[in-house]
């Protein structure tokens, strides 16, 4: 068996066109465009690059973008004040706070100043709690009353577009981070999958993975998931971003896994392209919820 390689770039391009049409329709109806404010403190190269990427991609579909860059010496009070100001600004519909935070700045304190209704990154404790407590599925992502982190939301979009039936299926998530592993597990649970979360203390990880109809890897260890850990015909979603000898690789040994799986996302070009797209979807959702319906 040779797995179908899931083309995340092509899928992202399709969804991007759909979002651009929705943004144009929103502007026609309401007379303004949804706008995201990105808050950054310092000049971390990865953060600077990502902010530029967000600005280019968002403006490319007609969304508004504003960068609020503070110096690396910014204090907690300054960051809290800025986030609070943006939360109260009705012209801002979504807020993203980039890491890393400056030394001495508490992420908890900054997030406390963030309006959960503008937390398009899905990192506020209110949104995390709503995801954990949400009733099982039945509504699409645009109708949720909370925000889901964009990376796992992109993974779910891939499964949805593939037509994967999750009800009653065994799903295994390797990784328990607050931004990918845990929310992915809750999203799968909402679709009535039977979910197992694995981590560094899981005994016989390979045996657990072999039971998965859907296997999601989000642990940050290059090629941890071996080909013989894959159940024949399983769908493999690889969120990993690692570098080996200058080459980006995932958490799954792609070549070996592709000989066994039914479908698999490559790294790069799999889940990554969907992340910004789902952030756009979250921003559009935030603007809709903040705008009185006629």
C-alpha atoms as a PDB file:
ATOM      1  CA  UNK A   1       0.000   0.000   0.000  1.00  0.00           C
ATOM      2  CA  UNK A   2       1.192   3.487  -0.827  1.00  0.00           C
ATOM      3  CA  UNK A   3      -0.516   6.299   1.027  1.00  0.00           C
ATOM      4  CA  UNK A   4      -2.216   9.254  -0.570  1.00  0.00           C
ATOM      5  CA  UNK A   5      -0.058  12.299   0.142  1.00  0.00           C
ATOM      6  CA  UNK A   6      -2.321  15.098   1.349  1.00  0.00           C
ATOM      7  CA  UNK A   7      -1.456  18.334  -0.457  1.00  0.00           C
ATOM      8  CA  UNK A   8      -1.905  20.988   2.210  1.00  0.00           C
ATOM      9  CA  UNK A   9      -0.862  23.780  -0.130  1.00  0.00           C
ATOM     10  CA  UNK A  10      -3.574  22.963  -2.652  1.00  0.00           C
ATOM     11  CA  UNK A  11      -6.172  22.594   0.077  1.00  0.00           C
ATOM     12  CA  UNK A  12      -5.119  25.899   1.635  1.00  0.00           C
ATOM     13  CA  UNK A  13      -5.432  27.618  -1.742  1.00  0.00           C
ATOM     14  CA  UNK A  14      -8.991  26.334  -2.100  1.00  0.00           C
ATOM     15  CA  UNK A  15     -10.019  27.446   1.382  1.00  0.00           C
ATOM     16  CA  UNK A  16      -8.276  30.798   0.871  1.00  0.00           C
ATOM     17  CA  UNK A  17     -10.468  31.473  -2.160  1.00  0.00           C
ATOM     18  CA  UNK A  18     -13.560  30.628  -0.135  1.00  0.00           C
ATOM     19  CA  UNK A  19     -12.509  32.983   2.659  1.00  0.00           C
ATOM     20  CA  UNK A  20     -11.742  35.795   0.214  1.00  0.00           C
ATOM     21  CA  UNK A  21     -15.286  35.499  -1.123  1.00  0.00           C
ATOM     22  CA  UNK A  22     -16.701  35.542   2.422  1.00  0.00           C
ATOM     23  CA  UNK A  23     -14.628  38.620   3.304  1.00  0.00           C
ATOM     24  CA  UNK A  24     -15.875  40.447   0.205  1.00  0.00           C
ATOM     25  CA  UNK A  25     -19.468  39.562   1.077  1.00  0.00           C
ATOM     26  CA  UNK A  26     -18.943  40.711   4.674  1.00  0.00           C
ATOM     27  CA  UNK A  27     -17.557  44.043   3.490  1.00  0.00           C
ATOM     28  CA  UNK A  28     -20.478  44.539   1.103  1.00  0.00           C
ATOM     29  CA  UNK A  29     -22.959  43.864   3.891  1.00  0.00           C
ATOM     30  CA  UNK A  30     -21.312  45.753   6.755  1.00  0.00           C
ATOM     31  CA  UNK A  31     -19.111  48.367   5.088  1.00  0.00           C
ATOM     32  CA  UNK A  32     -15.833  47.398   6.770  1.00  0.00           C
ATOM     33  CA  UNK A  33     -13.337  44.547   6.802  1.00  0.00           C
ATOM     34  CA  UNK A  34     -12.421  42.372   9.794  1.00  0.00           C
ATOM     35  CA  UNK A  35      -9.054  43.444  11.199  1.00  0.00           C
ATOM     36  CA  UNK A  36      -6.455  41.576  13.223  1.00  0.00           C
ATOM     37  CA  UNK A  37      -3.981  43.263  15.558  1.00  0.00           C
ATOM     38  CA  UNK A  38      -0.706  41.432  16.108  1.00  0.00           C
ATOM     39  CA  UNK A  39       1.192  42.324  19.279  1.00  0.00           C
ATOM     40  CA  UNK A  40       4.906  41.655  19.462  1.00  0.00           C
ATOM     41  CA  UNK A  41       7.572  42.640  21.977  1.00  0.00           C
ATOM     42  CA  UNK A  42      11.136  42.506  20.686  1.00  0.00           C
ATOM     43  CA  UNK A  43      12.589  41.462  17.357  1.00  0.00           C
ATOM     44  CA  UNK A  44      12.738  37.683  17.572  1.00  0.00           C
ATOM     45  CA  UNK A  45      13.528  36.664  13.953  1.00  0.00           C
ATOM     46  CA  UNK A  46      10.906  33.920  13.789  1.00  0.00           C
ATOM     47  CA  UNK A  47       8.234  36.220  15.237  1.00  0.00           C
ATOM     48  CA  UNK A  48       9.145  39.040  12.860  1.00  0.00           C
ATOM     49  CA  UNK A  49       8.970  36.676   9.891  1.00  0.00           C
ATOM     50  CA  UNK A  50       5.647  35.199  10.995  1.00  0.00           C
ATOM     51  CA  UNK A  51       4.092  38.634  11.496  1.00  0.00           C
ATOM     52  CA  UNK A  52       5.093  39.596   7.959  1.00  0.00           C
ATOM     53  CA  UNK A  53       3.608  36.355   6.669  1.00  0.00           C
ATOM     54  CA  UNK A  54       0.335  37.022   8.486  1.00  0.00           C
ATOM     55  CA  UNK A  55       0.150  40.565   7.159  1.00  0.00           C
ATOM     56  CA  UNK A  56       0.753  39.508   3.565  1.00  0.00           C
ATOM     57  CA  UNK A  57      -1.654  36.579   3.628  1.00  0.00           C
ATOM     58  CA  UNK A  58      -4.440  38.419   5.452  1.00  0.00           C
ATOM     59  CA  UNK A  59      -4.288  41.494   3.257  1.00  0.00           C
ATOM     60  CA  UNK A  60      -4.213  39.141   0.266  1.00  0.00           C
ATOM     61  CA  UNK A  61      -7.781  38.017   1.012  1.00  0.00           C
ATOM     62  CA  UNK A  62      -9.004  41.500   1.897  1.00  0.00           C
ATOM     63  CA  UNK A  63      -8.659  41.309   5.685  1.00  0.00           C
ATOM     64  CA  UNK A  64      -7.205  44.152   7.732  1.00  0.00           C
ATOM     65  CA  UNK A  65      -3.871  43.828   9.524  1.00  0.00           C
ATOM     66  CA  UNK A  66      -2.123  46.025  12.083  1.00  0.00           C
ATOM     67  CA  UNK A  67       1.186  45.306  13.801  1.00  0.00           C
ATOM     68  CA  UNK A  68       1.823  46.721  17.266  1.00  0.00           C
ATOM     69  CA  UNK A  69       5.525  46.253  17.966  1.00  0.00           C
ATOM     70  CA  UNK A  70       6.894  47.002  21.418  1.00  0.00           C
ATOM     71  CA  UNK A  71      10.590  47.017  22.323  1.00  0.00           C
ATOM     72  CA  UNK A  72      12.187  43.995  23.943  1.00  0.00           C
ATOM     73  CA  UNK A  73      12.372  46.065  27.124  1.00  0.00           C
ATOM     74  CA  UNK A  74       8.578  46.374  27.311  1.00  0.00           C
ATOM     75  CA  UNK A  75       7.205  45.872  30.793  1.00  0.00           C
ATOM     76  CA  UNK A  76       4.293  43.725  31.825  1.00  0.00           C
ATOM     77  CA  UNK A  77       2.267  46.860  32.538  1.00  0.00           C
ATOM     78  CA  UNK A  78       2.938  48.176  29.031  1.00  0.00           C
ATOM     79  CA  UNK A  79       1.888  44.926  27.379  1.00  0.00           C
ATOM     80  CA  UNK A  80      -1.207  44.639  29.549  1.00  0.00           C
ATOM     81  CA  UNK A  81      -2.157  48.228  28.724  1.00  0.00           C
ATOM     82  CA  UNK A  82      -1.740  47.681  24.966  1.00  0.00           C
ATOM     83  CA  UNK A  83      -3.722  44.441  24.929  1.00  0.00           C
ATOM     84  CA  UNK A  84      -6.434  46.038  27.049  1.00  0.00           C
ATOM     85  CA  UNK A  85      -6.609  49.017  24.693  1.00  0.00           C
ATOM     86  CA  UNK A  86      -6.919  46.781  21.638  1.00  0.00           C
ATOM     87  CA  UNK A  87      -9.546  44.672  23.381  1.00  0.00           C
ATOM     88  CA  UNK A  88     -11.655  47.814  23.847  1.00  0.00           C
ATOM     89  CA  UNK A  89     -11.081  49.073  20.287  1.00  0.00           C
ATOM     90  CA  UNK A  90     -14.182  48.288  18.215  1.00  0.00           C
ATOM     91  CA  UNK A  91     -12.202  48.600  14.968  1.00  0.00           C
ATOM     92  CA  UNK A  92     -10.093  45.599  16.021  1.00  0.00           C
ATOM     93  CA  UNK A  93     -11.866  42.252  15.739  1.00  0.00           C
ATOM     94  CA  UNK A  94      -9.055  39.837  16.545  1.00  0.00           C
ATOM     95  CA  UNK A  95      -5.853  39.983  18.582  1.00  0.00           C
ATOM     96  CA  UNK A  96      -2.821  37.727  18.359  1.00  0.00           C
ATOM     97  CA  UNK A  97      -0.027  38.014  20.933  1.00  0.00           C
ATOM     98  CA  UNK A  98       3.254  36.654  19.655  1.00  0.00           C
ATOM     99  CA  UNK A  99       5.739  34.754  21.741  1.00  0.00           C
ATOM    100  CA  UNK A 100       8.328  34.988  23.174  1.00  0.00           C
ATOM    101  CA  UNK A 101       7.324  37.379  25.923  1.00  0.00           C
ATOM    102  CA  UNK A 102       9.978  39.733  27.347  1.00  0.00           C
ATOM    103  CA  UNK A 103      11.769  38.678  30.507  1.00  0.00           C
ATOM    104  CA  UNK A 104       9.707  39.367  33.584  1.00  0.00           C
ATOM    105  CA  UNK A 105       6.416  39.507  31.690  1.00  0.00           C
ATOM    106  CA  UNK A 106       3.763  37.020  32.763  1.00  0.00           C
ATOM    107  CA  UNK A 107       1.816  35.497  29.892  1.00  0.00           C
ATOM    108  CA  UNK A 108      -1.020  34.868  32.321  1.00  0.00           C
ATOM    109  CA  UNK A 109      -1.237  38.572  33.178  1.00  0.00           C
ATOM    110  CA  UNK A 110      -1.196  39.634  29.530  1.00  0.00           C
ATOM    111  CA  UNK A 111      -3.834  37.083  28.536  1.00  0.00           C
ATOM    112  CA  UNK A 112      -6.035  38.280  31.388  1.00  0.00           C
ATOM    113  CA  UNK A 113      -6.243  41.633  29.584  1.00  0.00           C
ATOM    114  CA  UNK A 114      -7.312  39.963  26.326  1.00  0.00           C
ATOM    115  CA  UNK A 115     -11.000  39.920  25.466  1.00  0.00           C
ATOM    116  CA  UNK A 116     -11.810  36.220  24.848  1.00  0.00           C
ATOM    117  CA  UNK A 117     -14.140  37.335  22.042  1.00  0.00           C
ATOM    118  CA  UNK A 118     -11.069  38.649  20.179  1.00  0.00           C
ATOM    119  CA  UNK A 119      -8.770  35.734  21.002  1.00  0.00           C
ATOM    120  CA  UNK A 120      -8.501  34.413  17.454  1.00  0.00           C
ATOM    121  CA  UNK A 121      -5.444  32.366  18.441  1.00  0.00           C
ATOM    122  CA  UNK A 122      -7.538  30.338  20.886  1.00  0.00           C
ATOM    123  CA  UNK A 123      -5.069  30.730  23.759  1.00  0.00           C
ATOM    124  CA  UNK A 124      -7.243  32.459  26.366  1.00  0.00           C
ATOM    125  CA  UNK A 125      -8.273  30.166  29.252  1.00  0.00           C
ATOM    126  CA  UNK A 126     -11.938  30.948  28.541  1.00  0.00           C
ATOM    127  CA  UNK A 127     -11.689  29.592  24.994  1.00  0.00           C
ATOM    128  CA  UNK A 128      -9.661  26.582  26.118  1.00  0.00           C
ATOM    129  CA  UNK A 129     -12.288  25.844  28.759  1.00  0.00           C
ATOM    130  CA  UNK A 130     -15.163  26.209  26.325  1.00  0.00           C
ATOM    131  CA  UNK A 131     -13.508  23.751  23.963  1.00  0.00           C
ATOM    132  CA  UNK A 132     -13.031  21.266  26.790  1.00  0.00           C
ATOM    133  CA  UNK A 133     -16.648  21.603  27.931  1.00  0.00           C
ATOM    134  CA  UNK A 134     -18.272  21.880  24.514  1.00  0.00           C
ATOM    135  CA  UNK A 135     -21.088  19.550  23.577  1.00  0.00           C
ATOM    136  CA  UNK A 136     -20.374  16.990  20.874  1.00  0.00           C
ATOM    137  CA  UNK A 137     -20.334  18.073  17.274  1.00  0.00           C
ATOM    138  CA  UNK A 138     -23.106  19.374  15.129  1.00  0.00           C
ATOM    139  CA  UNK A 139     -21.964  22.843  14.182  1.00  0.00           C
ATOM    140  CA  UNK A 140     -19.182  23.929  11.864  1.00  0.00           C
ATOM    141  CA  UNK A 141     -16.202  25.998  13.041  1.00  0.00           C
ATOM    142  CA  UNK A 142     -17.820  29.236  11.876  1.00  0.00           C
ATOM    143  CA  UNK A 143     -20.732  28.702  14.297  1.00  0.00           C
ATOM    144  CA  UNK A 144     -18.772  27.935  17.448  1.00  0.00           C
ATOM    145  CA  UNK A 145     -19.021  30.449  20.292  1.00  0.00           C
ATOM    146  CA  UNK A 146     -15.338  30.033  21.105  1.00  0.00           C
ATOM    147  CA  UNK A 147     -12.038  29.982  19.239  1.00  0.00           C
ATOM    148  CA  UNK A 148      -9.851  26.973  18.540  1.00  0.00           C
ATOM    149  CA  UNK A 149      -6.070  27.243  18.020  1.00  0.00           C
ATOM    150  CA  UNK A 150      -5.415  27.479  14.304  1.00  0.00           C
ATOM    151  CA  UNK A 151      -3.030  24.543  13.934  1.00  0.00           C
ATOM    152  CA  UNK A 152      -5.343  21.797  15.244  1.00  0.00           C
ATOM    153  CA  UNK A 153      -8.264  23.515  13.513  1.00  0.00           C
ATOM    154  CA  UNK A 154      -6.321  23.087  10.281  1.00  0.00           C
ATOM    155  CA  UNK A 155      -5.837  19.406  11.025  1.00  0.00           C
ATOM    156  CA  UNK A 156      -9.569  18.996  11.487  1.00  0.00           C
ATOM    157  CA  UNK A 157     -10.209  20.865   8.244  1.00  0.00           C
ATOM    158  CA  UNK A 158      -7.968  18.394   6.435  1.00  0.00           C
ATOM    159  CA  UNK A 159      -9.913  15.462   7.877  1.00  0.00           C
ATOM    160  CA  UNK A 160     -13.210  17.115   6.973  1.00  0.00           C
ATOM    161  CA  UNK A 161     -12.165  17.827   3.396  1.00  0.00           C
ATOM    162  CA  UNK A 162     -10.928  14.257   3.031  1.00  0.00           C
ATOM    163  CA  UNK A 163     -14.342  13.040   4.102  1.00  0.00           C
ATOM    164  CA  UNK A 164     -12.939  11.067   7.035  1.00  0.00           C
ATOM    165  CA  UNK A 165     -15.756   9.706   9.199  1.00  0.00           C
ATOM    166  CA  UNK A 166     -14.550  10.082  12.782  1.00  0.00           C
ATOM    167  CA  UNK A 167     -17.580   8.740  14.621  1.00  0.00           C
ATOM    168  CA  UNK A 168     -16.591   5.565  16.427  1.00  0.00           C
ATOM    169  CA  UNK A 169     -13.049   5.635  15.064  1.00  0.00           C
ATOM    170  CA  UNK A 170      -9.975   5.202  17.247  1.00  0.00           C
ATOM    171  CA  UNK A 171      -7.901   8.397  17.231  1.00  0.00           C
ATOM    172  CA  UNK A 172      -4.485   8.679  18.852  1.00  0.00           C
ATOM    173  CA  UNK A 173      -2.850  12.045  19.515  1.00  0.00           C
ATOM    174  CA  UNK A 174       0.856  11.945  20.316  1.00  0.00           C
ATOM    175  CA  UNK A 175       1.612  15.134  22.242  1.00  0.00           C
ATOM    176  CA  UNK A 176      -0.229  17.074  24.932  1.00  0.00           C
ATOM    177  CA  UNK A 177       0.673  20.730  24.367  1.00  0.00           C
ATOM    178  CA  UNK A 178      -1.941  23.395  24.995  1.00  0.00           C
ATOM    179  CA  UNK A 179      -1.708  24.705  21.435  1.00  0.00           C
ATOM    180  CA  UNK A 180      -1.876  21.474  19.414  1.00  0.00           C
ATOM    181  CA  UNK A 181      -2.139  18.157  21.247  1.00  0.00           C
ATOM    182  CA  UNK A 182      -4.833  18.865  23.822  1.00  0.00           C
ATOM    183  CA  UNK A 183      -7.117  20.939  21.566  1.00  0.00           C
ATOM    184  CA  UNK A 184      -6.759  18.373  18.769  1.00  0.00           C
ATOM    185  CA  UNK A 185      -7.863  15.656  21.171  1.00  0.00           C
ATOM    186  CA  UNK A 186     -10.911  17.659  22.235  1.00  0.00           C
ATOM    187  CA  UNK A 187     -11.810  18.434  18.611  1.00  0.00           C
ATOM    188  CA  UNK A 188     -11.659  14.747  17.717  1.00  0.00           C
ATOM    189  CA  UNK A 189     -13.744  13.926  20.774  1.00  0.00           C
ATOM    190  CA  UNK A 190     -16.391  16.426  19.631  1.00  0.00           C
ATOM    191  CA  UNK A 191     -16.684  14.386  16.430  1.00  0.00           C
ATOM    192  CA  UNK A 192     -17.365  11.241  18.486  1.00  0.00           C
ATOM    193  CA  UNK A 193     -13.963   9.635  17.975  1.00  0.00           C
ATOM    194  CA  UNK A 194     -12.544   7.461  20.740  1.00  0.00           C
ATOM    195  CA  UNK A 195      -9.441   9.421  21.674  1.00  0.00           C
ATOM    196  CA  UNK A 196      -6.185   8.441  23.345  1.00  0.00           C
ATOM    197  CA  UNK A 197      -3.555  11.062  24.227  1.00  0.00           C
ATOM    198  CA  UNK A 198       0.048   9.881  24.373  1.00  0.00           C
ATOM    199  CA  UNK A 199       3.083  11.643  25.833  1.00  0.00           C
ATOM    200  CA  UNK A 200       6.639  11.098  27.031  1.00  0.00           C
ATOM    201  CA  UNK A 201       5.495   8.770  29.818  1.00  0.00           C
ATOM    202  CA  UNK A 202       3.282   6.570  27.655  1.00  0.00           C
ATOM    203  CA  UNK A 203       4.287   2.919  27.872  1.00  0.00           C
ATOM    204  CA  UNK A 204       4.822   1.082  24.560  1.00  0.00           C
ATOM    205  CA  UNK A 205       3.944   4.057  22.374  1.00  0.00           C
ATOM    206  CA  UNK A 206       4.234   1.992  19.214  1.00  0.00           C
ATOM    207  CA  UNK A 207       1.540  -0.441  20.344  1.00  0.00           C
ATOM    208  CA  UNK A 208      -0.856   2.408  21.109  1.00  0.00           C
ATOM    209  CA  UNK A 209      -0.201   4.057  17.744  1.00  0.00           C
ATOM    210  CA  UNK A 210      -0.892   0.793  15.894  1.00  0.00           C
ATOM    211  CA  UNK A 211      -4.481   0.908  17.153  1.00  0.00           C
ATOM    212  CA  UNK A 212      -5.173   4.301  15.569  1.00  0.00           C
ATOM    213  CA  UNK A 213      -7.490   4.759  12.620  1.00  0.00           C
ATOM    214  CA  UNK A 214      -6.440   8.413  12.779  1.00  0.00           C
ATOM    215  CA  UNK A 215      -2.970   9.181  14.133  1.00  0.00           C
ATOM    216  CA  UNK A 216      -1.983  12.766  14.950  1.00  0.00           C
ATOM    217  CA  UNK A 217       1.646  13.546  15.783  1.00  0.00           C
ATOM    218  CA  UNK A 218       2.410  16.769  17.643  1.00  0.00           C
ATOM    219  CA  UNK A 219       5.320  16.009  19.923  1.00  0.00           C
ATOM    220  CA  UNK A 220       8.247  17.899  18.384  1.00  0.00           C
ATOM    221  CA  UNK A 221      10.613  14.952  17.937  1.00  0.00           C
ATOM    222  CA  UNK A 222      11.939  14.278  14.468  1.00  0.00           C
ATOM    223  CA  UNK A 223      10.665  11.038  12.915  1.00  0.00           C
ATOM    224  CA  UNK A 224       9.592   9.628  16.263  1.00  0.00           C
ATOM    225  CA  UNK A 225       6.656   7.735  14.727  1.00  0.00           C
ATOM    226  CA  UNK A 226       7.989   4.740  12.817  1.00  0.00           C
ATOM    227  CA  UNK A 227       6.446   3.097   9.806  1.00  0.00           C
ATOM    228  CA  UNK A 228       5.687  -0.121  11.675  1.00  0.00           C
ATOM    229  CA  UNK A 229       3.735   1.892  14.255  1.00  0.00           C
ATOM    230  CA  UNK A 230       1.104   2.717  11.649  1.00  0.00           C
ATOM    231  CA  UNK A 231      -2.096   0.721  11.283  1.00  0.00           C
ATOM    232  CA  UNK A 232      -2.572  -0.261   7.616  1.00  0.00           C
ATOM    233  CA  UNK A 233      -4.858   2.265   5.942  1.00  0.00           C
ATOM    234  CA  UNK A 234      -4.738   4.784   8.796  1.00  0.00           C
ATOM    235  CA  UNK A 235      -4.903   8.535   8.236  1.00  0.00           C
ATOM    236  CA  UNK A 236      -1.772  10.238   9.578  1.00  0.00           C
ATOM    237  CA  UNK A 237      -1.753  13.952  10.413  1.00  0.00           C
ATOM    238  CA  UNK A 238       1.770  15.191  11.155  1.00  0.00           C
ATOM    239  CA  UNK A 239       1.983  18.557  12.935  1.00  0.00           C
ATOM    240  CA  UNK A 240       5.693  18.229  13.701  1.00  0.00           C
ATOM    241  CA  UNK A 241       8.232  20.846  12.661  1.00  0.00           C
ATOM    242  CA  UNK A 242      11.812  19.689  13.195  1.00  0.00           C
ATOM    243  CA  UNK A 243      15.092  20.225  11.404  1.00  0.00           C
ATOM    244  CA  UNK A 244      17.560  17.468  10.625  1.00  0.00           C
ATOM    245  CA  UNK A 245      20.742  18.537   8.848  1.00  0.00           C
ATOM    246  CA  UNK A 246      19.007  21.697   7.695  1.00  0.00           C
ATOM    247  CA  UNK A 247      15.980  19.846   6.310  1.00  0.00           C
ATOM    248  CA  UNK A 248      12.487  20.283   7.735  1.00  0.00           C
ATOM    249  CA  UNK A 249      10.954  16.987   8.794  1.00  0.00           C
ATOM    250  CA  UNK A 250       7.915  15.980  10.796  1.00  0.00           C
ATOM    251  CA  UNK A 251       7.337  13.812  13.831  1.00  0.00           C
ATOM    252  CA  UNK A 252       6.567  10.873  11.524  1.00  0.00           C
ATOM    253  CA  UNK A 253       9.062   8.904   9.445  1.00  0.00           C
ATOM    254  CA  UNK A 254       7.264   9.897   6.262  1.00  0.00           C
ATOM    255  CA  UNK A 255       8.828   7.477   3.779  1.00  0.00           C
ATOM    256  CA  UNK A 256       8.233   4.437   5.966  1.00  0.00           C
ATOM    257  CA  UNK A 257       4.771   5.527   7.085  1.00  0.00           C
ATOM    258  CA  UNK A 258       3.664   6.240   3.523  1.00  0.00           C
ATOM    259  CA  UNK A 259       4.130   2.553   2.716  1.00  0.00           C
ATOM    260  CA  UNK A 260       1.493   1.611   5.275  1.00  0.00           C
ATOM    261  CA  UNK A 261      -0.924   4.506   5.810  1.00  0.00           C
ATOM    262  CA  UNK A 262      -3.979   5.247   3.721  1.00  0.00           C
ATOM    263  CA  UNK A 263      -3.325   8.990   3.692  1.00  0.00           C
ATOM    264  CA  UNK A 264      -0.619  11.151   5.236  1.00  0.00           C
ATOM    265  CA  UNK A 265       0.365  14.810   5.470  1.00  0.00           C
ATOM    266  CA  UNK A 266       3.949  15.602   4.442  1.00  0.00           C
ATOM    267  CA  UNK A 267       6.272  18.034   6.198  1.00  0.00           C
ATOM    268  CA  UNK A 268       6.557  20.632   4.840  1.00  0.00           C
ATOM    269  CA  UNK A 269       3.413  21.209   2.810  1.00  0.00           C
ATOM    270  CA  UNK A 270       0.891  19.348   4.937  1.00  0.00           C
ATOM    271  CA  UNK A 271      -0.717  20.921   7.980  1.00  0.00           C
ATOM    272  CA  UNK A 272       1.397  24.084   7.942  1.00  0.00           C
ATOM    273  CA  UNK A 273      -0.337  25.897   5.059  1.00  0.00           C
ATOM    274  CA  UNK A 274      -3.705  25.525   6.806  1.00  0.00           C
ATOM    275  CA  UNK A 275      -2.644  27.331   9.997  1.00  0.00           C
ATOM    276  CA  UNK A 276      -2.890  30.891   8.679  1.00  0.00           C
ATOM    277  CA  UNK A 277      -6.041  29.977   6.788  1.00  0.00           C
ATOM    278  CA  UNK A 278      -7.803  28.876   9.965  1.00  0.00           C
ATOM    279  CA  UNK A 279      -6.593  32.025  11.729  1.00  0.00           C
ATOM    280  CA  UNK A 280      -8.373  33.957   8.972  1.00  0.00           C
ATOM    281  CA  UNK A 281     -11.492  31.894   9.579  1.00  0.00           C
ATOM    282  CA  UNK A 282     -11.323  32.706  13.286  1.00  0.00           C
ATOM    283  CA  UNK A 283     -11.001  36.427  12.557  1.00  0.00           C
ATOM    284  CA  UNK A 284     -14.012  36.347  10.269  1.00  0.00           C
ATOM    285  CA  UNK A 285     -15.948  34.481  12.953  1.00  0.00           C
ATOM    286  CA  UNK A 286     -14.967  37.098  15.563  1.00  0.00           C
ATOM    287  CA  UNK A 287     -16.113  39.948  13.340  1.00  0.00           C
ATOM    288  CA  UNK A 288     -19.447  38.254  12.666  1.00  0.00           C
ATOM    289  CA  UNK A 289     -20.072  37.681  16.355  1.00  0.00           C
ATOM    290  CA  UNK A 290     -19.222  41.314  17.156  1.00  0.00           C
ATOM    291  CA  UNK A 291     -21.470  42.719  14.425  1.00  0.00           C
ATOM    292  CA  UNK A 292     -25.231  43.088  14.944  1.00  0.00           C
ATOM    293  CA  UNK A 293     -27.125  41.022  12.412  1.00  0.00           C
ATOM    294  CA  UNK A 294     -29.711  42.783  10.298  1.00  0.00           C
END
